[in-house]
């Protein structure tokens, strides 16, 4: 097992955690201020001081890499890259939508055939969303989607789908299929990153510190070549 620093700043919540041997040993969360540029530095300093004062060597730093808030992602990834470079430890990037799935899988009873649909608010009736099965196998890639009555119908007609994240609440009035289920108060949090980060360590799935960038979904979509009609 490894000691990993986790950083999550993709939404309005700013959080930092340290995990060791599959358990969180330090957690800091700010649900109120939205001032990630202030809170994150303090939280990371406290986490690193905790590790150093307990003589725990840091093995890697993991960061939520999007999609989400442009500013939040930029701040989080910049901090993670700084720690990675300064301490000469590997950098791990974890999709925000996968982090959202962790508390659902750990703490909620779901049918075997359930699908998970994490949603991140992208303003108005648009969300960033993906679809996974309970093994976190992706069934639909991350997209920016404007929600209407037909959204996710191809999945809802076949099996139960659980919607959660800060973009899900506004979709209740649009997605009314009997197979649609909504779970409230699910946030991407640093303390939920450790199972995914430990998997990345086991696979040595590390990012290049010099070239790694957050997944700014709308910028990515805009950069794709347009198909001819």
C-alpha atoms as a PDB file:
ATOM      1  CA  UNK A   1       0.000   0.000   0.000  1.00  0.00           C
ATOM      2  CA  UNK A   2       1.004   3.624  -0.508  1.00  0.00           C
ATOM      3  CA  UNK A   3       0.578   6.978   1.176  1.00  0.00           C
ATOM      4  CA  UNK A   4      -1.173   9.236  -1.316  1.00  0.00           C
ATOM      5  CA  UNK A   5      -2.115  12.905  -1.183  1.00  0.00           C
ATOM      6  CA  UNK A   6      -5.527  13.520  -2.779  1.00  0.00           C
ATOM      7  CA  UNK A   7      -6.710  16.889  -4.143  1.00  0.00           C
ATOM      8  CA  UNK A   8     -10.276  17.616  -5.298  1.00  0.00           C
ATOM      9  CA  UNK A   9     -11.331  21.101  -6.505  1.00  0.00           C
ATOM     10  CA  UNK A  10     -13.547  20.392  -9.520  1.00  0.00           C
ATOM     11  CA  UNK A  11     -16.761  21.866  -8.043  1.00  0.00           C
ATOM     12  CA  UNK A  12     -17.634  24.359  -5.310  1.00  0.00           C
ATOM     13  CA  UNK A  13     -16.205  22.005  -2.670  1.00  0.00           C
ATOM     14  CA  UNK A  14     -12.483  22.143  -1.912  1.00  0.00           C
ATOM     15  CA  UNK A  15     -11.068  19.033  -0.244  1.00  0.00           C
ATOM     16  CA  UNK A  16      -7.740  17.366   0.514  1.00  0.00           C
ATOM     17  CA  UNK A  17      -7.007  13.968   2.030  1.00  0.00           C
ATOM     18  CA  UNK A  18      -4.142  11.655   2.864  1.00  0.00           C
ATOM     19  CA  UNK A  19      -4.634   7.909   2.609  1.00  0.00           C
ATOM     20  CA  UNK A  20      -2.422   5.088   3.786  1.00  0.00           C
ATOM     21  CA  UNK A  21      -3.018   1.352   3.569  1.00  0.00           C
ATOM     22  CA  UNK A  22      -6.512   1.853   2.153  1.00  0.00           C
ATOM     23  CA  UNK A  23      -7.699   4.285   4.837  1.00  0.00           C
ATOM     24  CA  UNK A  24      -7.889   8.050   5.114  1.00  0.00           C
ATOM     25  CA  UNK A  25      -5.578   9.379   7.823  1.00  0.00           C
ATOM     26  CA  UNK A  26      -6.126  13.111   7.195  1.00  0.00           C
ATOM     27  CA  UNK A  27      -9.119  14.954   5.694  1.00  0.00           C
ATOM     28  CA  UNK A  28      -9.904  18.646   5.177  1.00  0.00           C
ATOM     29  CA  UNK A  29     -13.044  19.909   3.417  1.00  0.00           C
ATOM     30  CA  UNK A  30     -14.517  23.328   2.702  1.00  0.00           C
ATOM     31  CA  UNK A  31     -18.129  23.303   1.474  1.00  0.00           C
ATOM     32  CA  UNK A  32     -18.694  27.024   1.954  1.00  0.00           C
ATOM     33  CA  UNK A  33     -16.208  29.518   0.604  1.00  0.00           C
ATOM     34  CA  UNK A  34     -15.575  28.546  -3.046  1.00  0.00           C
ATOM     35  CA  UNK A  35     -12.197  30.295  -2.579  1.00  0.00           C
ATOM     36  CA  UNK A  36     -10.125  27.323  -3.664  1.00  0.00           C
ATOM     37  CA  UNK A  37      -7.093  29.510  -4.271  1.00  0.00           C
ATOM     38  CA  UNK A  38      -6.979  30.275  -0.541  1.00  0.00           C
ATOM     39  CA  UNK A  39      -8.241  27.059   1.063  1.00  0.00           C
ATOM     40  CA  UNK A  40      -6.315  24.577  -1.060  1.00  0.00           C
ATOM     41  CA  UNK A  41      -2.855  25.858  -0.187  1.00  0.00           C
ATOM     42  CA  UNK A  42      -3.661  25.773   3.530  1.00  0.00           C
ATOM     43  CA  UNK A  43      -5.126  22.267   3.335  1.00  0.00           C
ATOM     44  CA  UNK A  44      -2.188  20.880   1.358  1.00  0.00           C
ATOM     45  CA  UNK A  45       0.345  22.435   3.741  1.00  0.00           C
ATOM     46  CA  UNK A  46      -1.487  20.869   6.695  1.00  0.00           C
ATOM     47  CA  UNK A  47      -1.611  17.474   4.981  1.00  0.00           C
ATOM     48  CA  UNK A  48       2.092  17.527   4.127  1.00  0.00           C
ATOM     49  CA  UNK A  49       2.956  18.657   7.662  1.00  0.00           C
ATOM     50  CA  UNK A  50       0.874  15.797   9.052  1.00  0.00           C
ATOM     51  CA  UNK A  51       2.706  13.257   6.896  1.00  0.00           C
ATOM     52  CA  UNK A  52       6.123  14.703   7.723  1.00  0.00           C
ATOM     53  CA  UNK A  53       5.442  14.959  11.461  1.00  0.00           C
ATOM     54  CA  UNK A  54       4.414  11.288  11.524  1.00  0.00           C
ATOM     55  CA  UNK A  55       7.408  10.244   9.405  1.00  0.00           C
ATOM     56  CA  UNK A  56       5.117   8.939   6.666  1.00  0.00           C
ATOM     57  CA  UNK A  57       6.795   9.084   3.245  1.00  0.00           C
ATOM     58  CA  UNK A  58       4.515  10.371   0.503  1.00  0.00           C
ATOM     59  CA  UNK A  59       4.392   8.008  -2.478  1.00  0.00           C
ATOM     60  CA  UNK A  60       2.143   9.855  -4.946  1.00  0.00           C
ATOM     61  CA  UNK A  61      -0.254  12.758  -5.402  1.00  0.00           C
ATOM     62  CA  UNK A  62      -3.663  12.258  -7.004  1.00  0.00           C
ATOM     63  CA  UNK A  63      -5.841  15.017  -8.413  1.00  0.00           C
ATOM     64  CA  UNK A  64      -9.360  15.162  -9.762  1.00  0.00           C
ATOM     65  CA  UNK A  65      -8.810  16.052 -13.408  1.00  0.00           C
ATOM     66  CA  UNK A  66     -12.299  16.949 -14.634  1.00  0.00           C
ATOM     67  CA  UNK A  67     -14.640  17.735 -16.071  1.00  0.00           C
ATOM     68  CA  UNK A  68     -15.830  20.516 -13.798  1.00  0.00           C
ATOM     69  CA  UNK A  69     -15.114  24.139 -12.987  1.00  0.00           C
ATOM     70  CA  UNK A  70     -12.401  25.561 -15.234  1.00  0.00           C
ATOM     71  CA  UNK A  71     -10.894  27.636 -12.443  1.00  0.00           C
ATOM     72  CA  UNK A  72     -11.199  24.920  -9.815  1.00  0.00           C
ATOM     73  CA  UNK A  73      -9.560  22.301 -12.019  1.00  0.00           C
ATOM     74  CA  UNK A  74      -6.729  24.649 -12.964  1.00  0.00           C
ATOM     75  CA  UNK A  75      -5.996  25.441  -9.312  1.00  0.00           C
ATOM     76  CA  UNK A  76      -6.121  21.795  -8.227  1.00  0.00           C
ATOM     77  CA  UNK A  77      -3.977  20.437 -11.041  1.00  0.00           C
ATOM     78  CA  UNK A  78      -1.409  23.225 -10.632  1.00  0.00           C
ATOM     79  CA  UNK A  79      -1.071  22.416  -6.935  1.00  0.00           C
ATOM     80  CA  UNK A  80      -0.808  18.673  -7.591  1.00  0.00           C
ATOM     81  CA  UNK A  81       1.880  19.194 -10.221  1.00  0.00           C
ATOM     82  CA  UNK A  82       3.807  21.421  -7.838  1.00  0.00           C
ATOM     83  CA  UNK A  83       3.769  18.807  -5.074  1.00  0.00           C
ATOM     84  CA  UNK A  84       4.650  16.045  -7.533  1.00  0.00           C
ATOM     85  CA  UNK A  85       7.607  17.967  -8.930  1.00  0.00           C
ATOM     86  CA  UNK A  86       8.804  19.332  -5.592  1.00  0.00           C
ATOM     87  CA  UNK A  87       8.727  15.964  -3.837  1.00  0.00           C
ATOM     88  CA  UNK A  88       9.706  13.926  -6.900  1.00  0.00           C
ATOM     89  CA  UNK A  89       6.690  11.633  -6.616  1.00  0.00           C
ATOM     90  CA  UNK A  90       4.312  10.318  -9.300  1.00  0.00           C
ATOM     91  CA  UNK A  91       1.229  12.259 -10.390  1.00  0.00           C
ATOM     92  CA  UNK A  92      -2.161  10.523 -10.750  1.00  0.00           C
ATOM     93  CA  UNK A  93      -5.133  12.010 -12.594  1.00  0.00           C
ATOM     94  CA  UNK A  94      -8.619  10.699 -11.783  1.00  0.00           C
ATOM     95  CA  UNK A  95     -11.785  11.649 -13.713  1.00  0.00           C
ATOM     96  CA  UNK A  96     -14.182  13.597 -11.510  1.00  0.00           C
ATOM     97  CA  UNK A  97     -17.154  11.486 -12.601  1.00  0.00           C
ATOM     98  CA  UNK A  98     -15.429   8.332 -11.346  1.00  0.00           C
ATOM     99  CA  UNK A  99     -14.780   9.935  -7.959  1.00  0.00           C
ATOM    100  CA  UNK A 100     -18.508  10.672  -7.725  1.00  0.00           C
ATOM    101  CA  UNK A 101     -19.245   6.963  -8.173  1.00  0.00           C
ATOM    102  CA  UNK A 102     -17.145   5.804  -5.217  1.00  0.00           C
ATOM    103  CA  UNK A 103     -19.563   6.715  -2.359  1.00  0.00           C
ATOM    104  CA  UNK A 104     -22.437   5.190  -4.329  1.00  0.00           C
ATOM    105  CA  UNK A 105     -20.615   1.889  -4.652  1.00  0.00           C
ATOM    106  CA  UNK A 106     -19.370   1.913  -1.052  1.00  0.00           C
ATOM    107  CA  UNK A 107     -22.452   3.040   0.841  1.00  0.00           C
ATOM    108  CA  UNK A 108     -25.569   2.406  -1.243  1.00  0.00           C
ATOM    109  CA  UNK A 109     -27.357  -0.863  -1.966  1.00  0.00           C
ATOM    110  CA  UNK A 110     -27.935  -1.169  -5.708  1.00  0.00           C
ATOM    111  CA  UNK A 111     -29.398  -3.910  -7.904  1.00  0.00           C
ATOM    112  CA  UNK A 112     -26.848  -6.017  -9.748  1.00  0.00           C
ATOM    113  CA  UNK A 113     -27.861  -4.561 -13.105  1.00  0.00           C
ATOM    114  CA  UNK A 114     -27.829  -0.932 -11.960  1.00  0.00           C
ATOM    115  CA  UNK A 115     -26.096   1.722 -14.003  1.00  0.00           C
ATOM    116  CA  UNK A 116     -24.465   4.801 -12.478  1.00  0.00           C
ATOM    117  CA  UNK A 117     -24.797   8.239 -14.041  1.00  0.00           C
ATOM    118  CA  UNK A 118     -22.682  10.880 -12.280  1.00  0.00           C
ATOM    119  CA  UNK A 119     -23.673  14.424 -13.288  1.00  0.00           C
ATOM    120  CA  UNK A 120     -21.738  17.669 -12.864  1.00  0.00           C
ATOM    121  CA  UNK A 121     -23.624  20.937 -13.245  1.00  0.00           C
ATOM    122  CA  UNK A 122     -22.663  22.818 -16.402  1.00  0.00           C
ATOM    123  CA  UNK A 123     -25.290  25.585 -15.964  1.00  0.00           C
ATOM    124  CA  UNK A 124     -28.797  25.952 -17.385  1.00  0.00           C
ATOM    125  CA  UNK A 125     -30.077  22.463 -18.306  1.00  0.00           C
ATOM    126  CA  UNK A 126     -26.649  21.170 -19.308  1.00  0.00           C
ATOM    127  CA  UNK A 127     -24.590  18.628 -17.384  1.00  0.00           C
ATOM    128  CA  UNK A 128     -21.320  16.777 -17.785  1.00  0.00           C
ATOM    129  CA  UNK A 129     -22.254  13.118 -17.464  1.00  0.00           C
ATOM    130  CA  UNK A 130     -21.083   9.572 -18.086  1.00  0.00           C
ATOM    131  CA  UNK A 131     -22.621   6.123 -17.588  1.00  0.00           C
ATOM    132  CA  UNK A 132     -20.906   3.240 -15.766  1.00  0.00           C
ATOM    133  CA  UNK A 133     -21.865  -0.198 -14.570  1.00  0.00           C
ATOM    134  CA  UNK A 134     -21.161  -1.307 -10.995  1.00  0.00           C
ATOM    135  CA  UNK A 135     -17.652  -2.439 -11.967  1.00  0.00           C
ATOM    136  CA  UNK A 136     -16.940   1.120 -13.201  1.00  0.00           C
ATOM    137  CA  UNK A 137     -16.844  -0.080 -16.775  1.00  0.00           C
ATOM    138  CA  UNK A 138     -17.802   2.910 -18.894  1.00  0.00           C
ATOM    139  CA  UNK A 139     -21.011   2.376 -20.884  1.00  0.00           C
ATOM    140  CA  UNK A 140     -21.127   5.889 -22.301  1.00  0.00           C
ATOM    141  CA  UNK A 141     -18.266   8.341 -22.511  1.00  0.00           C
ATOM    142  CA  UNK A 142     -18.244  11.673 -20.708  1.00  0.00           C
ATOM    143  CA  UNK A 143     -20.309  14.228 -22.617  1.00  0.00           C
ATOM    144  CA  UNK A 144     -21.792  17.672 -22.149  1.00  0.00           C
ATOM    145  CA  UNK A 145     -25.524  17.051 -22.514  1.00  0.00           C
ATOM    146  CA  UNK A 146     -28.578  19.289 -22.499  1.00  0.00           C
ATOM    147  CA  UNK A 147     -31.159  17.339 -20.500  1.00  0.00           C
ATOM    148  CA  UNK A 148     -34.631  16.696 -21.893  1.00  0.00           C
ATOM    149  CA  UNK A 149     -37.325  14.024 -21.592  1.00  0.00           C
ATOM    150  CA  UNK A 150     -35.395  11.635 -23.855  1.00  0.00           C
ATOM    151  CA  UNK A 151     -32.040  11.844 -22.108  1.00  0.00           C
ATOM    152  CA  UNK A 152     -30.536   8.424 -21.269  1.00  0.00           C
ATOM    153  CA  UNK A 153     -33.647   6.705 -22.572  1.00  0.00           C
ATOM    154  CA  UNK A 154     -31.575   3.986 -24.269  1.00  0.00           C
ATOM    155  CA  UNK A 155     -30.412   2.874 -20.809  1.00  0.00           C
ATOM    156  CA  UNK A 156     -33.591   3.584 -18.845  1.00  0.00           C
ATOM    157  CA  UNK A 157     -35.663   1.337 -21.100  1.00  0.00           C
ATOM    158  CA  UNK A 158     -33.471  -1.639 -20.131  1.00  0.00           C
ATOM    159  CA  UNK A 159     -32.367  -1.262 -16.507  1.00  0.00           C
ATOM    160  CA  UNK A 160     -32.336   1.027 -13.454  1.00  0.00           C
ATOM    161  CA  UNK A 161     -30.132   4.107 -13.689  1.00  0.00           C
ATOM    162  CA  UNK A 162     -28.988   6.062 -10.640  1.00  0.00           C
ATOM    163  CA  UNK A 163     -28.342   9.784 -11.131  1.00  0.00           C
ATOM    164  CA  UNK A 164     -26.259  11.777  -8.649  1.00  0.00           C
ATOM    165  CA  UNK A 165     -23.855  14.687  -8.358  1.00  0.00           C
ATOM    166  CA  UNK A 166     -24.498  18.433  -8.274  1.00  0.00           C
ATOM    167  CA  UNK A 167     -26.060  18.340 -11.744  1.00  0.00           C
ATOM    168  CA  UNK A 168     -28.655  15.676 -10.975  1.00  0.00           C
ATOM    169  CA  UNK A 169     -31.189  17.627  -8.917  1.00  0.00           C
ATOM    170  CA  UNK A 170     -32.208  19.913 -11.768  1.00  0.00           C
ATOM    171  CA  UNK A 171     -32.895  16.866 -13.948  1.00  0.00           C
ATOM    172  CA  UNK A 172     -35.634  15.348 -11.763  1.00  0.00           C
ATOM    173  CA  UNK A 173     -38.422  17.150 -13.598  1.00  0.00           C
ATOM    174  CA  UNK A 174     -37.096  16.063 -17.002  1.00  0.00           C
ATOM    175  CA  UNK A 175     -36.007  12.468 -16.382  1.00  0.00           C
ATOM    176  CA  UNK A 176     -39.183  10.865 -15.040  1.00  0.00           C
ATOM    177  CA  UNK A 177     -38.861   7.282 -16.303  1.00  0.00           C
ATOM    178  CA  UNK A 178     -39.744   4.596 -13.689  1.00  0.00           C
ATOM    179  CA  UNK A 179     -36.183   3.258 -13.914  1.00  0.00           C
ATOM    180  CA  UNK A 180     -34.684   6.649 -13.026  1.00  0.00           C
ATOM    181  CA  UNK A 181     -33.488   6.996  -9.419  1.00  0.00           C
ATOM    182  CA  UNK A 182     -31.860  10.056  -7.842  1.00  0.00           C
ATOM    183  CA  UNK A 183     -29.419  10.083  -4.922  1.00  0.00           C
ATOM    184  CA  UNK A 184     -28.905  13.429  -3.180  1.00  0.00           C
ATOM    185  CA  UNK A 185     -25.889  15.088  -1.561  1.00  0.00           C
ATOM    186  CA  UNK A 186     -23.159  13.304  -3.492  1.00  0.00           C
ATOM    187  CA  UNK A 187     -20.048  15.427  -4.025  1.00  0.00           C
ATOM    188  CA  UNK A 188     -16.627  14.655  -5.508  1.00  0.00           C
ATOM    189  CA  UNK A 189     -14.449  14.559  -2.402  1.00  0.00           C
ATOM    190  CA  UNK A 190     -10.766  13.882  -1.851  1.00  0.00           C
ATOM    191  CA  UNK A 191     -11.504  11.275   0.817  1.00  0.00           C
ATOM    192  CA  UNK A 192     -13.282   9.165  -1.826  1.00  0.00           C
ATOM    193  CA  UNK A 193     -10.323   9.102  -4.217  1.00  0.00           C
ATOM    194  CA  UNK A 194      -8.164   6.475  -2.520  1.00  0.00           C
ATOM    195  CA  UNK A 195      -9.605   3.298  -4.161  1.00  0.00           C
ATOM    196  CA  UNK A 196      -9.079   4.768  -7.626  1.00  0.00           C
ATOM    197  CA  UNK A 197      -5.674   6.222  -6.774  1.00  0.00           C
ATOM    198  CA  UNK A 198      -4.439   2.940  -5.306  1.00  0.00           C
ATOM    199  CA  UNK A 199      -5.531   1.161  -8.464  1.00  0.00           C
ATOM    200  CA  UNK A 200      -3.512   3.668 -10.505  1.00  0.00           C
ATOM    201  CA  UNK A 201      -0.458   3.053  -8.306  1.00  0.00           C
ATOM    202  CA  UNK A 202      -0.804  -0.719  -8.775  1.00  0.00           C
ATOM    203  CA  UNK A 203      -0.979  -0.240 -12.549  1.00  0.00           C
ATOM    204  CA  UNK A 204       1.705   2.493 -12.527  1.00  0.00           C
ATOM    205  CA  UNK A 205      -0.785   4.685 -14.368  1.00  0.00           C
ATOM    206  CA  UNK A 206       0.994   7.989 -13.882  1.00  0.00           C
ATOM    207  CA  UNK A 207       0.806  11.316 -15.685  1.00  0.00           C
ATOM    208  CA  UNK A 208       3.621  13.351 -17.195  1.00  0.00           C
ATOM    209  CA  UNK A 209       4.009  16.290 -14.817  1.00  0.00           C
ATOM    210  CA  UNK A 210       5.237  18.606 -17.561  1.00  0.00           C
ATOM    211  CA  UNK A 211       2.386  18.012 -20.005  1.00  0.00           C
ATOM    212  CA  UNK A 212      -0.607  16.913 -17.932  1.00  0.00           C
ATOM    213  CA  UNK A 213      -3.662  19.192 -18.164  1.00  0.00           C
ATOM    214  CA  UNK A 214      -7.182  18.990 -16.742  1.00  0.00           C
ATOM    215  CA  UNK A 215     -10.007  17.631 -18.878  1.00  0.00           C
ATOM    216  CA  UNK A 216     -11.796  20.852 -19.866  1.00  0.00           C
ATOM    217  CA  UNK A 217     -14.689  19.091 -21.575  1.00  0.00           C
ATOM    218  CA  UNK A 218     -16.190  22.006 -23.509  1.00  0.00           C
ATOM    219  CA  UNK A 219     -12.782  23.069 -24.808  1.00  0.00           C
ATOM    220  CA  UNK A 220     -12.141  19.466 -25.862  1.00  0.00           C
ATOM    221  CA  UNK A 221     -15.449  19.282 -27.736  1.00  0.00           C
ATOM    222  CA  UNK A 222     -14.852  22.628 -29.442  1.00  0.00           C
ATOM    223  CA  UNK A 223     -11.428  21.441 -30.651  1.00  0.00           C
ATOM    224  CA  UNK A 224     -12.778  18.362 -32.443  1.00  0.00           C
ATOM    225  CA  UNK A 225     -13.148  18.505 -36.244  1.00  0.00           C
ATOM    226  CA  UNK A 226     -16.714  19.066 -37.340  1.00  0.00           C
ATOM    227  CA  UNK A 227     -18.338  16.390 -39.470  1.00  0.00           C
ATOM    228  CA  UNK A 228     -19.589  17.351 -42.896  1.00  0.00           C
ATOM    229  CA  UNK A 229     -23.330  17.061 -43.345  1.00  0.00           C
END
